[in-house]
Amino acid sequence: MAAAARALGWPEQVVDTTREQLQNITKMQIETLDRMMDAWEEQIKSPDPMTASSAMLAKLKSLPSFGAAGSWPTADAWQKQA
């Protein structure tokens, strides 16, 4: 990724920020899948489907968010800096 960015003339900060964002998104995806699998497992094992459904809904509502869009890199960060 760094080699491609250098070839395109992107500043190192863009590469670092992009790498960090991709790592954070991947981490959130893994956490989301883990929580969903836990909720499904709990629902399958539960003798009362209604209680399990409520628990699953609560777990899904607590999934991590992507944060405020304002904290993401802007298009300006991608502009070649002179």
N, C-alpha and C. Protein backbone atom coordinates (compact mmCIF):
# COMPACT_ATOMS: atom_id res chain seq x y z
N MET A 1 0.83 -1.18 0.00
CA MET A 1 0.00 0.00 0.00
C MET A 1 0.88 1.25 0.00
N ALA A 2 1.94 1.23 0.79
CA ALA A 2 2.82 2.39 0.87
C ALA A 2 3.50 2.65 -0.47
N ALA A 3 3.91 1.57 -1.16
CA ALA A 3 4.57 1.73 -2.46
C ALA A 3 3.62 2.35 -3.48
N ALA A 4 2.39 1.90 -3.48
CA ALA A 4 1.39 2.45 -4.41
C ALA A 4 1.13 3.92 -4.09
N ALA A 5 1.05 4.25 -2.81
CA ALA A 5 0.81 5.64 -2.41
C ALA A 5 1.97 6.53 -2.85
N ARG A 6 3.20 6.04 -2.68
CA ARG A 6 4.36 6.83 -3.12
C ARG A 6 4.34 7.04 -4.63
N ALA A 7 3.98 5.99 -5.37
CA ALA A 7 3.92 6.09 -6.83
C ALA A 7 2.88 7.12 -7.27
N LEU A 8 1.81 7.25 -6.48
CA LEU A 8 0.76 8.22 -6.80
C LEU A 8 1.04 9.60 -6.21
N GLY A 9 2.08 9.68 -5.40
CA GLY A 9 2.43 10.96 -4.80
C GLY A 9 1.61 11.33 -3.58
N TRP A 10 0.98 10.35 -2.97
CA TRP A 10 0.18 10.63 -1.78
C TRP A 10 1.09 10.83 -0.58
N PRO A 11 0.72 11.72 0.31
CA PRO A 11 1.52 11.93 1.53
C PRO A 11 1.44 10.71 2.46
N GLU A 12 2.48 10.51 3.24
CA GLU A 12 2.55 9.37 4.17
C GLU A 12 1.37 9.37 5.14
N GLN A 13 0.91 10.56 5.50
CA GLN A 13 -0.21 10.68 6.44
C GLN A 13 -1.47 9.99 5.88
N VAL A 14 -1.68 10.07 4.57
CA VAL A 14 -2.84 9.43 3.95
C VAL A 14 -2.73 7.92 4.10
N VAL A 15 -1.54 7.40 3.87
CA VAL A 15 -1.32 5.95 3.98
C VAL A 15 -1.57 5.50 5.42
N ASP A 16 -1.00 6.22 6.37
CA ASP A 16 -1.17 5.86 7.78
C ASP A 16 -2.62 5.92 8.21
N THR A 17 -3.31 6.99 7.80
CA THR A 17 -4.71 7.15 8.17
C THR A 17 -5.57 6.05 7.55
N THR A 18 -5.30 5.74 6.28
CA THR A 18 -6.06 4.70 5.60
C THR A 18 -5.83 3.35 6.26
N ARG A 19 -4.58 3.05 6.57
CA ARG A 19 -4.26 1.77 7.23
C ARG A 19 -4.99 1.68 8.57
N GLU A 20 -4.95 2.76 9.33
CA GLU A 20 -5.62 2.77 10.65
C GLU A 20 -7.12 2.57 10.50
N GLN A 21 -7.73 3.24 9.53
CA GLN A 21 -9.17 3.10 9.32
C GLN A 21 -9.52 1.67 8.91
N LEU A 22 -8.74 1.08 8.02
CA LEU A 22 -9.00 -0.30 7.60
C LEU A 22 -8.85 -1.28 8.76
N GLN A 23 -7.85 -1.06 9.60
CA GLN A 23 -7.67 -1.93 10.76
C GLN A 23 -8.84 -1.78 11.74
N ASN A 24 -9.29 -0.56 11.95
CA ASN A 24 -10.43 -0.33 12.86
C ASN A 24 -11.71 -0.96 12.31
N ILE A 25 -11.94 -0.83 11.01
CA ILE A 25 -13.13 -1.42 10.41
C ILE A 25 -13.09 -2.94 10.51
N THR A 26 -11.93 -3.52 10.26
CA THR A 26 -11.78 -4.97 10.36
C THR A 26 -12.04 -5.44 11.78
N LYS A 27 -11.52 -4.71 12.75
CA LYS A 27 -11.73 -5.06 14.16
C LYS A 27 -13.22 -5.00 14.51
N MET A 28 -13.91 -3.96 14.03
CA MET A 28 -15.34 -3.84 14.31
C MET A 28 -16.13 -4.97 13.64
N GLN A 29 -15.73 -5.37 12.44
CA GLN A 29 -16.41 -6.46 11.76
C GLN A 29 -16.26 -7.76 12.54
N ILE A 30 -15.06 -8.02 13.03
CA ILE A 30 -14.82 -9.24 13.82
C ILE A 30 -15.64 -9.21 15.11
N GLU A 31 -15.64 -8.07 15.80
CA GLU A 31 -16.42 -7.95 17.03
C GLU A 31 -17.91 -8.14 16.76
N THR A 32 -18.39 -7.58 15.65
CA THR A 32 -19.81 -7.71 15.30
C THR A 32 -20.17 -9.17 15.04
N LEU A 33 -19.34 -9.86 14.26
CA LEU A 33 -19.61 -11.28 13.99
C LEU A 33 -19.55 -12.11 15.26
N ASP A 34 -18.59 -11.83 16.14
CA ASP A 34 -18.51 -12.55 17.42
C ASP A 34 -19.78 -12.36 18.24
N ARG A 35 -20.26 -11.13 18.32
CA ARG A 35 -21.48 -10.86 19.10
C ARG A 35 -22.70 -11.54 18.48
N MET A 36 -22.78 -11.52 17.16
CA MET A 36 -23.91 -12.17 16.50
C MET A 36 -23.86 -13.68 16.72
N MET A 37 -22.69 -14.26 16.63
CA MET A 37 -22.58 -15.70 16.86
C MET A 37 -22.93 -16.06 18.30
N ASP A 38 -22.50 -15.24 19.26
CA ASP A 38 -22.86 -15.47 20.66
C ASP A 38 -24.37 -15.39 20.85
N ALA A 39 -24.99 -14.39 20.22
CA ALA A 39 -26.44 -14.22 20.35
C ALA A 39 -27.18 -15.40 19.72
N TRP A 40 -26.74 -15.85 18.57
CA TRP A 40 -27.39 -17.00 17.92
C TRP A 40 -27.23 -18.26 18.75
N GLU A 41 -26.04 -18.45 19.29
CA GLU A 41 -25.79 -19.63 20.12
C GLU A 41 -26.71 -19.61 21.35
N GLU A 42 -26.84 -18.43 21.95
CA GLU A 42 -27.71 -18.28 23.12
C GLU A 42 -29.16 -18.57 22.74
N GLN A 43 -29.57 -18.11 21.57
CA GLN A 43 -30.94 -18.33 21.13
C GLN A 43 -31.20 -19.81 20.87
N ILE A 44 -30.25 -20.48 20.26
CA ILE A 44 -30.40 -21.91 19.97
C ILE A 44 -30.50 -22.73 21.25
N LYS A 45 -29.71 -22.38 22.26
CA LYS A 45 -29.67 -23.14 23.51
C LYS A 45 -30.82 -22.80 24.46
N SER A 46 -31.48 -21.70 24.22
CA SER A 46 -32.51 -21.25 25.15
C SER A 46 -33.79 -22.08 25.03
N PRO A 47 -34.35 -22.47 26.19
CA PRO A 47 -35.62 -23.20 26.16
C PRO A 47 -36.80 -22.28 25.85
N ASP A 48 -36.62 -20.97 26.06
CA ASP A 48 -37.68 -19.99 25.81
C ASP A 48 -37.28 -19.09 24.65
N PRO A 49 -37.83 -19.32 23.46
CA PRO A 49 -37.43 -18.54 22.28
C PRO A 49 -37.67 -17.03 22.43
N MET A 50 -38.71 -16.63 23.16
CA MET A 50 -39.01 -15.20 23.31
C MET A 50 -37.93 -14.50 24.13
N THR A 51 -37.49 -15.13 25.21
CA THR A 51 -36.43 -14.56 26.03
C THR A 51 -35.14 -14.48 25.23
N ALA A 52 -34.84 -15.52 24.47
CA ALA A 52 -33.63 -15.55 23.66
C ALA A 52 -33.69 -14.47 22.58
N SER A 53 -34.86 -14.27 21.99
CA SER A 53 -34.99 -13.24 20.96
C SER A 53 -34.75 -11.85 21.53
N SER A 54 -35.25 -11.60 22.74
CA SER A 54 -35.03 -10.31 23.40
C SER A 54 -33.55 -10.10 23.69
N ALA A 55 -32.89 -11.16 24.15
CA ALA A 55 -31.46 -11.07 24.45
C ALA A 55 -30.67 -10.82 23.18
N MET A 56 -31.07 -11.48 22.10
CA MET A 56 -30.37 -11.30 20.83
C MET A 56 -30.55 -9.87 20.33
N LEU A 57 -31.73 -9.35 20.43
CA LEU A 57 -31.99 -7.98 20.00
C LEU A 57 -31.15 -6.99 20.82
N ALA A 58 -31.05 -7.21 22.11
CA ALA A 58 -30.25 -6.34 22.97
C ALA A 58 -28.78 -6.39 22.56
N LYS A 59 -28.28 -7.58 22.24
CA LYS A 59 -26.88 -7.70 21.82
C LYS A 59 -26.65 -7.01 20.48
N LEU A 60 -27.58 -7.15 19.58
CA LEU A 60 -27.42 -6.52 18.28
C LEU A 60 -27.48 -5.00 18.37
N LYS A 61 -28.26 -4.48 19.31
CA LYS A 61 -28.34 -3.03 19.50
C LYS A 61 -27.05 -2.48 20.09
N SER A 62 -26.26 -3.34 20.73
CA SER A 62 -25.02 -2.87 21.35
C SER A 62 -23.81 -3.04 20.44
N LEU A 63 -24.05 -3.32 19.16
CA LEU A 63 -22.95 -3.49 18.23
C LEU A 63 -22.18 -2.18 18.07
N PRO A 64 -20.88 -2.27 17.82
CA PRO A 64 -20.09 -1.04 17.68
C PRO A 64 -20.53 -0.26 16.45
N SER A 65 -20.38 1.05 16.55
CA SER A 65 -20.73 1.90 15.41
C SER A 65 -19.45 2.33 14.70
N PHE A 66 -19.63 2.91 13.56
CA PHE A 66 -18.47 3.38 12.79
C PHE A 66 -18.04 4.77 13.22
N GLY A 67 -18.70 5.32 14.20
CA GLY A 67 -18.32 6.64 14.69
C GLY A 67 -18.89 7.73 13.79
N ALA A 68 -18.65 8.95 14.21
CA ALA A 68 -19.16 10.08 13.46
C ALA A 68 -18.42 10.22 12.14
N ALA A 69 -19.17 10.48 11.10
CA ALA A 69 -18.56 10.62 9.79
C ALA A 69 -17.54 11.75 9.78
N GLY A 70 -17.71 12.72 10.65
CA GLY A 70 -16.77 13.84 10.73
C GLY A 70 -15.38 13.44 11.18
N SER A 71 -15.26 12.27 11.79
CA SER A 71 -13.95 11.82 12.25
C SER A 71 -13.21 11.03 11.17
N TRP A 72 -13.87 10.76 10.05
CA TRP A 72 -13.25 10.02 8.96
C TRP A 72 -12.41 10.98 8.13
N PRO A 73 -11.40 10.46 7.43
CA PRO A 73 -10.61 11.34 6.56
C PRO A 73 -11.50 11.95 5.49
N THR A 74 -11.24 13.20 5.17
CA THR A 74 -12.04 13.87 4.15
C THR A 74 -11.37 13.72 2.79
N ALA A 75 -12.10 14.10 1.77
CA ALA A 75 -11.54 14.03 0.42
C ALA A 75 -10.29 14.89 0.30
N ASP A 76 -10.22 15.96 1.09
CA ASP A 76 -9.04 16.83 1.06
C ASP A 76 -7.78 16.07 1.44
N ALA A 77 -7.90 15.06 2.28
CA ALA A 77 -6.73 14.30 2.71
C ALA A 77 -6.12 13.52 1.56
N TRP A 78 -6.91 13.29 0.50
CA TRP A 78 -6.45 12.51 -0.64
C TRP A 78 -5.80 13.37 -1.72
N GLN A 79 -5.90 14.67 -1.58
CA GLN A 79 -5.33 15.56 -2.58
C GLN A 79 -3.81 15.54 -2.49
N LYS A 80 -3.16 15.55 -3.61
CA LYS A 80 -1.71 15.59 -3.66
C LYS A 80 -1.25 16.92 -3.09
N GLN A 81 -0.41 16.84 -2.08
CA GLN A 81 0.07 18.08 -1.44
C GLN A 81 1.38 18.49 -2.09
N ALA A 82 1.48 19.75 -2.41
CA ALA A 82 2.68 20.27 -3.07
C ALA A 82 3.74 20.66 -2.07
